[in-house]
C-alpha atoms as a PDB file:
ATOM      1  CA  MET A   1     113.038 137.909 107.293  1.00  0.00           C
ATOM      2  CA  PRO A   2     110.743 138.529 105.587  1.00  0.00           C
ATOM      3  CA  GLN A   3     107.799 136.732 107.143  1.00  0.00           C
ATOM      4  CA  ILE A   4     104.920 136.527 104.671  1.00  0.00           C
ATOM      5  CA  LEU A   5     101.385 135.362 105.402  1.00  0.00           C
ATOM      6  CA  VAL A   6      98.811 134.971 102.639  1.00  0.00           C
ATOM      7  CA  ASP A   7      95.182 134.722 103.757  1.00  0.00           C
ATOM      8  CA  TYR A   8      92.728 133.769 101.034  1.00  0.00           C
ATOM      9  CA  ASP A   9      89.203 132.430 101.016  1.00  0.00           C
ATOM     10  CA  ALA A  10      88.125 129.009  99.825  1.00  0.00           C
ATOM     11  CA  THR A  11      86.679 130.500  96.626  1.00  0.00           C
ATOM     12  CA  LEU A  12      90.258 130.891  95.362  1.00  0.00           C
ATOM     13  CA  GLN A  13      91.434 127.418  96.431  1.00  0.00           C
ATOM     14  CA  ASP A  14      91.259 125.957  92.910  1.00  0.00           C
ATOM     15  CA  PHE A  15      92.670 129.044  91.179  1.00  0.00           C
ATOM     16  CA  LEU A  16      95.738 129.892  93.260  1.00  0.00           C
ATOM     17  CA  ASP A  17      98.891 127.846  92.663  1.00  0.00           C
ATOM     18  CA  ARG A  18     100.388 128.581  96.059  1.00  0.00           C
ATOM     19  CA  ARG A  19     103.890 127.173  95.538  1.00  0.00           C
ATOM     20  CA  ARG A  20     104.325 128.968  92.209  1.00  0.00           C
ATOM     21  CA  PHE A  21     102.967 132.186  93.715  1.00  0.00           C
ATOM     22  CA  ALA A  22     105.414 131.930  96.646  1.00  0.00           C
ATOM     23  CA  ARG A  23     108.414 131.313  94.396  1.00  0.00           C
ATOM     24  CA  GLU A  24     107.532 134.326  92.242  1.00  0.00           C
ATOM     25  CA  LEU A  25     106.799 136.422  95.333  1.00  0.00           C
ATOM     26  CA  HIS A  26     110.212 135.620  96.818  1.00  0.00           C
ATOM     27  CA  ALA A  27     111.986 136.565  93.580  1.00  0.00           C
ATOM     28  CA  LEU A  28     109.937 139.763  93.320  1.00  0.00           C
ATOM     29  CA  ALA A  29     110.786 140.785  96.885  1.00  0.00           C
ATOM     30  CA  ALA A  30     114.500 140.202  96.291  1.00  0.00           C
ATOM     31  CA  GLN A  31     114.381 142.325  93.119  1.00  0.00           C
ATOM     32  CA  THR A  32     112.350 145.119  94.707  1.00  0.00           C
ATOM     33  CA  VAL A  33     113.851 145.687  98.162  1.00  0.00           C
ATOM     34  CA  ASP A  34     117.553 145.987  99.009  1.00  0.00           C
ATOM     35  CA  GLY A  35     118.630 143.456 101.604  1.00  0.00           C
ATOM     36  CA  ILE A  36     115.958 140.862 100.865  1.00  0.00           C
ATOM     37  CA  THR A  37     117.150 137.597  99.355  1.00  0.00           C
ATOM     38  CA  VAL A  38     115.093 134.714  98.030  1.00  0.00           C
ATOM     39  CA  GLU A  39     116.764 132.509 100.642  1.00  0.00           C
ATOM     40  CA  SER A  40     115.496 134.727 103.463  1.00  0.00           C
ATOM     41  CA  CYS A  41     111.833 134.653 102.382  1.00  0.00           C
ATOM     42  CA  LYS A  42     109.325 132.484 104.216  1.00  0.00           C
ATOM     43  CA  THR A  43     105.690 132.309 103.122  1.00  0.00           C
ATOM     44  CA  ARG A  44     102.732 130.662 104.835  1.00  0.00           C
ATOM     45  CA  PHE A  45      99.293 130.255 103.322  1.00  0.00           C
ATOM     46  CA  ARG A  46      96.077 130.205 105.304  1.00  0.00           C
ATOM     47  CA  CYS A  47      92.803 129.309 103.611  1.00  0.00           C
ATOM     48  CA  VAL A  48      89.788 130.893 105.270  1.00  0.00           C
ATOM     49  CA  ASP A  49      86.668 128.721 105.033  1.00  0.00           C
ATOM     50  CA  GLU A  50      84.313 131.669 105.174  1.00  0.00           C
ATOM     51  CA  ALA A  51      84.659 135.338 104.424  1.00  0.00           C
ATOM     52  CA  VAL A  52      81.929 137.949 104.296  1.00  0.00           C
ATOM     53  CA  ILE A  53      82.563 140.937 102.067  1.00  0.00           C
ATOM     54  CA  ALA A  54      80.301 144.003 102.175  1.00  0.00           C
ATOM     55  CA  HIS A  55      76.651 142.886 101.963  1.00  0.00           C
ATOM     56  CA  ASP A  56      77.599 139.206 101.599  1.00  0.00           C
ATOM     57  CA  GLU A  57      76.897 139.118  97.892  1.00  0.00           C
ATOM     58  CA  PRO A  58      77.809 135.889  96.062  1.00  0.00           C
ATOM     59  CA  GLN A  59      80.910 135.449  93.911  1.00  0.00           C
ATOM     60  CA  GLN A  60      83.116 137.644  96.109  1.00  0.00           C
ATOM     61  CA  SER A  61      86.527 136.484  97.293  1.00  0.00           C
ATOM     62  CA  LEU A  62      89.439 137.928  99.180  1.00  0.00           C
ATOM     63  CA  ILE A  63      93.171 137.544  99.366  1.00  0.00           C
ATOM     64  CA  HIS A  64      95.410 139.511 101.712  1.00  0.00           C
ATOM     65  CA  VAL A  65      99.209 139.426 101.849  1.00  0.00           C
ATOM     66  CA  ASP A  66     100.844 140.467 105.117  1.00  0.00           C
ATOM     67  CA  PHE A  67     104.510 141.137 104.346  1.00  0.00           C
ATOM     68  CA  ALA A  68     106.674 141.764 107.422  1.00  0.00           C
ATOM     69  CA  ILE A  69     110.242 142.998 106.899  1.00  0.00           C
ATOM     70  CA  LEU A  70     113.049 144.249 109.107  1.00  0.00           C
ATOM     71  CA  PRO A  71     112.777 147.959 109.953  1.00  0.00           C
ATOM     72  CA  GLY A  72     114.731 150.591 108.080  1.00  0.00           C
ATOM     73  CA  ARG A  73     113.012 150.638 104.688  1.00  0.00           C
ATOM     74  CA  THR A  74     111.526 153.897 103.476  1.00  0.00           C
ATOM     75  CA  THR A  75     107.813 154.382 102.955  1.00  0.00           C
ATOM     76  CA  GLU A  76     108.561 154.615  99.237  1.00  0.00           C
ATOM     77  CA  ALA A  77     110.317 151.226  99.236  1.00  0.00           C
ATOM     78  CA  LYS A  78     107.431 149.631 101.137  1.00  0.00           C
ATOM     79  CA  SER A  79     104.900 151.198  98.760  1.00  0.00           C
ATOM     80  CA  ALA A  80     106.813 149.942  95.723  1.00  0.00           C
ATOM     81  CA  LEU A  81     106.829 146.443  97.197  1.00  0.00           C
ATOM     82  CA  SER A  82     103.100 146.670  98.009  1.00  0.00           C
ATOM     83  CA  ARG A  83     102.223 147.681  94.462  1.00  0.00           C
ATOM     84  CA  ALA A  84     104.424 144.970  92.942  1.00  0.00           C
ATOM     85  CA  VAL A  85     102.941 142.289  95.219  1.00  0.00           C
ATOM     86  CA  LEU A  86      99.407 143.462  94.414  1.00  0.00           C
ATOM     87  CA  ASP A  87     100.178 143.152  90.688  1.00  0.00           C
ATOM     88  CA  LEU A  88     101.497 139.632  91.291  1.00  0.00           C
ATOM     89  CA  VAL A  89      98.361 138.715  93.254  1.00  0.00           C
ATOM     90  CA  SER A  90      96.216 140.011  90.389  1.00  0.00           C
ATOM     91  CA  SER A  91      98.099 137.955  87.826  1.00  0.00           C
ATOM     92  CA  HIS A  92      97.749 134.810  89.956  1.00  0.00           C
ATOM     93  CA  THR A  93      94.014 135.261  90.544  1.00  0.00           C
ATOM     94  CA  ALA A  94      93.077 136.342  87.010  1.00  0.00           C
ATOM     95  CA  SER A  95      91.813 132.847  86.189  1.00  0.00           C
ATOM     96  CA  ALA A  96      89.089 133.168  88.844  1.00  0.00           C
ATOM     97  CA  THR A  97      86.481 134.119  86.251  1.00  0.00           C
ATOM     98  CA  GLY A  98      83.054 135.124  87.472  1.00  0.00           C
ATOM     99  CA  VAL A  99      84.481 136.061  90.866  1.00  0.00           C
ATOM    100  CA  THR A 100      85.234 139.556  92.135  1.00  0.00           C
ATOM    101  CA  VAL A 101      88.594 139.346  93.901  1.00  0.00           C
ATOM    102  CA  HIS A 102      89.251 141.800  96.724  1.00  0.00           C
ATOM    103  CA  ALA A 103      93.050 141.875  97.011  1.00  0.00           C
ATOM    104  CA  SER A 104      95.175 143.773  99.506  1.00  0.00           C
ATOM    105  CA  VAL A 105      98.774 143.937 100.694  1.00  0.00           C
ATOM    106  CA  ASP A 106     100.247 145.275 103.928  1.00  0.00           C
ATOM    107  CA  VAL A 107     104.011 145.743 104.080  1.00  0.00           C
ATOM    108  CA  ARG A 108     105.011 146.412 107.662  1.00  0.00           C
ATOM    109  CA  ASP A 109     108.047 146.401 109.931  1.00  0.00           C
ATOM    110  CA  LEU A 110     108.818 143.431 112.132  1.00  0.00           C
ATOM    111  CA  ASP A 111     108.940 144.312 115.815  1.00  0.00           C
ATOM    112  CA  ALA A 112     112.339 144.967 117.396  1.00  0.00           C
ATOM    113  CA  SER A 113     111.885 141.758 119.409  1.00  0.00           C
ATOM    114  CA  TYR A 114     111.855 139.600 116.249  1.00  0.00           C
ATOM    115  CA  THR A 115     114.438 136.839 116.310  1.00  0.00           C
ATOM    116  CA  LYS A 116     114.977 133.651 114.353  1.00  0.00           C
ATOM    117  CA  ARG A 117     117.092 130.539 114.232  1.00  0.00           C
ATOM    118  CA  VAL A 118     117.731 128.144 111.363  1.00  0.00           C
ATOM    119  CA  VAL A 119     118.546 124.631 112.525  1.00  0.00           C
ATOM    120  CA  PRO A 120     120.235 122.673 109.716  1.00  0.00           C
ATOM    121  CA  ALA A 121     119.030 119.155 109.019  1.00  0.00           C
ATOM    122  CA  THR A 122     121.099 116.454 110.674  1.00  0.00           C
ATOM    123  CA  GLY A 123     121.317 112.724 110.220  1.00  0.00           C
ATOM    124  CA  GLN A 124     120.085 112.660 106.649  1.00  0.00           C
ATOM    125  CA  ARG A 125     120.197 109.284 104.984  1.00  0.00           C
END
């Protein structure tokens, strides 16, 4: 926990430093929400080859962050995290000049069935 998925379209491929964004996102989450640690954050990125926004006008791009956390956080805490993540997204896509960036964030609860296991590396040389 948390499980983070960032969907973005190919228009942003050259502008988004994914590893830097993830590191800053993990630190931001740990600072914003009680119980979240940097060590518990896991982020995946998924580049979408095509996206159609509104009337399919050129120079439009999208990025959406799906942020799933364990239940128990207040709506206010989730909203604060959403706003902070959206600000971070904006700062990381600001260099995409000439492109209108449609950014969104959804902070949601993981289902009660969520489970995980961390298997430590073995046999390292």
